């Protein structure tokens, strides 16, 4: 019986391939790929950096400097401050009024000509559905977002 067992083991060793690896050991592929394998897709290039500058604020009209004092130390913003029904906005310095603004409306000064300032609105303007009683023009205010 011993001879038969030893003979069976010897036969198995002879027919088993020498270079075979045990089935529980797997070789994982690394960065090198075989010629017939497909390479991984390349990463797309990053999108180009685009800087967008907002368009300049269009001018609203001319206001008298006395009724729109500076709101900050650098005088980058003005605030309407009048005792009447609104500050008249004119087409030219001392020209025809086209609209009026309520107190507290922020303005951006664009140009100075004597005591007159060319301004742009610093907020979205909306009509108040009222008229300025001193110039008979529409009265506007800043839009209120809720």
Protein backbone atom coordinates (compact mmCIF):
# COMPACT_ATOMS: atom_id res chain seq x y z
CA UNK A 1 0.00 0.00 0.00
CA UNK A 2 2.83 2.33 0.77
CA UNK A 3 4.35 1.63 -2.61
CA UNK A 4 1.09 2.44 -4.35
CA UNK A 5 0.74 5.74 -2.51
CA UNK A 6 4.32 6.77 -3.24
CA UNK A 7 3.95 5.77 -6.89
CA UNK A 8 0.77 7.91 -7.20
CA UNK A 9 2.48 10.92 -5.71
CA UNK A 10 5.48 10.51 -8.03
CA UNK A 11 3.18 10.29 -11.08
CA UNK A 12 1.32 13.43 -10.04
CA UNK A 13 4.58 15.32 -9.62
CA UNK A 14 5.75 14.26 -13.05
CA UNK A 15 2.61 15.31 -14.88
CA UNK A 16 2.13 18.62 -13.03
CA UNK A 17 3.71 21.58 -14.88
CA UNK A 18 6.68 23.03 -13.14
CA UNK A 19 5.96 26.70 -13.97
CA UNK A 20 2.33 26.74 -12.81
CA UNK A 21 1.42 29.08 -9.99
CA UNK A 22 -0.95 28.19 -7.22
CA UNK A 23 -4.49 29.37 -8.05
CA UNK A 24 -4.76 31.67 -5.00
CA UNK A 25 -1.92 33.96 -6.20
CA UNK A 26 -2.99 36.43 -8.90
CA UNK A 27 -0.69 38.86 -10.65
CA UNK A 28 -2.32 42.26 -10.95
CA UNK A 29 -1.49 44.39 -13.99
CA UNK A 30 0.59 47.49 -13.40
CA UNK A 31 1.03 50.63 -15.50
CA UNK A 32 2.58 48.62 -18.34
CA UNK A 33 0.01 47.27 -20.80
CA UNK A 34 0.32 44.50 -23.31
CA UNK A 35 0.30 45.49 -26.98
CA UNK A 36 -3.18 44.07 -27.54
CA UNK A 37 -4.74 45.87 -24.56
CA UNK A 38 -6.45 49.25 -24.96
CA UNK A 39 -4.84 52.18 -23.21
CA UNK A 40 -6.95 54.13 -20.72
CA UNK A 41 -8.49 57.33 -22.13
CA UNK A 42 -6.51 60.49 -21.66
CA UNK A 43 -7.89 63.08 -19.27
CA UNK A 44 -9.41 66.02 -21.14
CA UNK A 45 -7.50 69.29 -20.85
CA UNK A 46 -8.81 71.73 -18.26
CA UNK A 47 -11.18 74.37 -19.61
CA UNK A 48 -9.57 77.68 -20.49
CA UNK A 49 -9.64 80.39 -17.87
CA UNK A 50 -12.02 83.12 -19.01
CA UNK A 51 -12.25 86.46 -17.27
CA UNK A 52 -15.37 88.42 -17.94
CA UNK A 53 -15.49 92.06 -17.02
CA UNK A 54 -18.94 93.47 -16.56
CA UNK A 55 -19.93 96.20 -18.97
CA UNK A 56 -19.71 99.74 -17.64
CA UNK A 57 -22.84 101.13 -16.04
CA UNK A 58 -24.62 103.42 -18.49
CA UNK A 59 -25.04 106.99 -17.28
CA UNK A 60 -28.43 108.00 -15.93
CA UNK A 61 -28.08 111.77 -16.26
CA UNK A 62 -26.86 114.89 -14.48
CA UNK A 63 -27.69 115.84 -10.88
CA UNK A 64 -26.81 118.88 -8.82
CA UNK A 65 -23.90 117.98 -6.51
CA UNK A 66 -25.38 119.69 -3.44
CA UNK A 67 -28.34 117.25 -3.26
CA UNK A 68 -26.25 114.09 -3.57
CA UNK A 69 -23.59 114.03 -0.83
CA UNK A 70 -20.88 111.35 -0.71
CA UNK A 71 -21.82 108.12 1.02
CA UNK A 72 -18.26 106.89 1.66
CA UNK A 73 -14.88 108.58 2.35
CA UNK A 74 -13.54 107.90 -1.18
CA UNK A 75 -16.77 109.36 -2.69
CA UNK A 76 -17.34 106.31 -4.88
CA UNK A 77 -21.07 106.40 -4.05
CA UNK A 78 -23.50 109.26 -3.60
CA UNK A 79 -26.87 109.19 -1.83
CA UNK A 80 -29.85 111.32 -2.82
CA UNK A 81 -30.81 113.69 -0.02
CA UNK A 82 -33.45 116.32 -0.88
CA UNK A 83 -36.29 118.05 0.94
CA UNK A 84 -38.54 118.03 -2.13
CA UNK A 85 -40.43 115.18 -3.83
CA UNK A 86 -37.28 113.94 -5.55
CA UNK A 87 -33.92 114.86 -7.01
CA UNK A 88 -34.22 115.88 -10.66
CA UNK A 89 -32.07 113.94 -13.13
CA UNK A 90 -31.33 116.05 -16.20
CA UNK A 91 -30.17 115.37 -19.76
CA UNK A 92 -27.35 117.95 -19.46
CA UNK A 93 -26.00 120.17 -16.69
CA UNK A 94 -28.85 122.59 -15.85
CA UNK A 95 -30.82 120.98 -18.68
CA UNK A 96 -34.30 119.56 -18.98
CA UNK A 97 -35.31 117.09 -16.19
CA UNK A 98 -36.30 113.60 -17.37
CA UNK A 99 -36.88 111.83 -14.04
CA UNK A 100 -36.63 112.28 -10.30
CA UNK A 101 -35.15 110.01 -7.61
CA UNK A 102 -36.39 109.51 -4.05
CA UNK A 103 -34.23 110.03 -0.97
CA UNK A 104 -31.76 107.28 -0.23
CA UNK A 105 -31.20 106.25 -3.86
CA UNK A 106 -27.49 105.36 -4.28
CA UNK A 107 -25.69 106.82 -7.29
CA UNK A 108 -22.26 106.27 -8.82
CA UNK A 109 -20.47 109.48 -9.89
CA UNK A 110 -18.98 109.20 -13.39
CA UNK A 111 -17.98 112.76 -14.30
CA UNK A 112 -17.96 116.25 -12.76
CA UNK A 113 -18.68 119.50 -14.56
CA UNK A 114 -18.75 122.43 -12.18
CA UNK A 115 -21.45 121.76 -9.55
CA UNK A 116 -23.06 119.04 -11.70
CA UNK A 117 -22.35 115.32 -11.63
CA UNK A 118 -22.96 112.74 -14.35
CA UNK A 119 -24.22 109.72 -12.40
CA UNK A 120 -25.20 106.09 -12.92
CA UNK A 121 -27.65 104.19 -10.70
CA UNK A 122 -26.09 101.91 -8.07
CA UNK A 123 -29.29 99.84 -7.91
CA UNK A 124 -32.09 98.68 -10.19
CA UNK A 125 -34.54 101.55 -10.56
CA UNK A 126 -38.29 101.07 -10.66
CA UNK A 127 -41.13 103.58 -10.98
CA UNK A 128 -43.08 104.58 -7.89
CA UNK A 129 -46.12 105.36 -10.08
CA UNK A 130 -45.97 108.88 -8.65
CA UNK A 131 -44.77 112.13 -10.19
CA UNK A 132 -42.36 114.70 -8.85
CA UNK A 133 -44.49 117.72 -7.92
CA UNK A 134 -41.67 120.21 -8.53
CA UNK A 135 -40.71 119.12 -12.11
CA UNK A 136 -43.66 116.98 -13.24
CA UNK A 137 -41.47 113.97 -14.14
CA UNK A 138 -41.75 110.31 -13.06
CA UNK A 139 -40.42 109.54 -9.59
CA UNK A 140 -38.19 106.44 -9.35
CA UNK A 141 -36.67 104.43 -6.50
CA UNK A 142 -34.50 101.38 -6.00
CA UNK A 143 -36.15 98.04 -6.68
CA UNK A 144 -36.80 96.11 -3.46
CA UNK A 145 -36.04 92.37 -3.69
CA UNK A 146 -37.89 90.15 -1.27
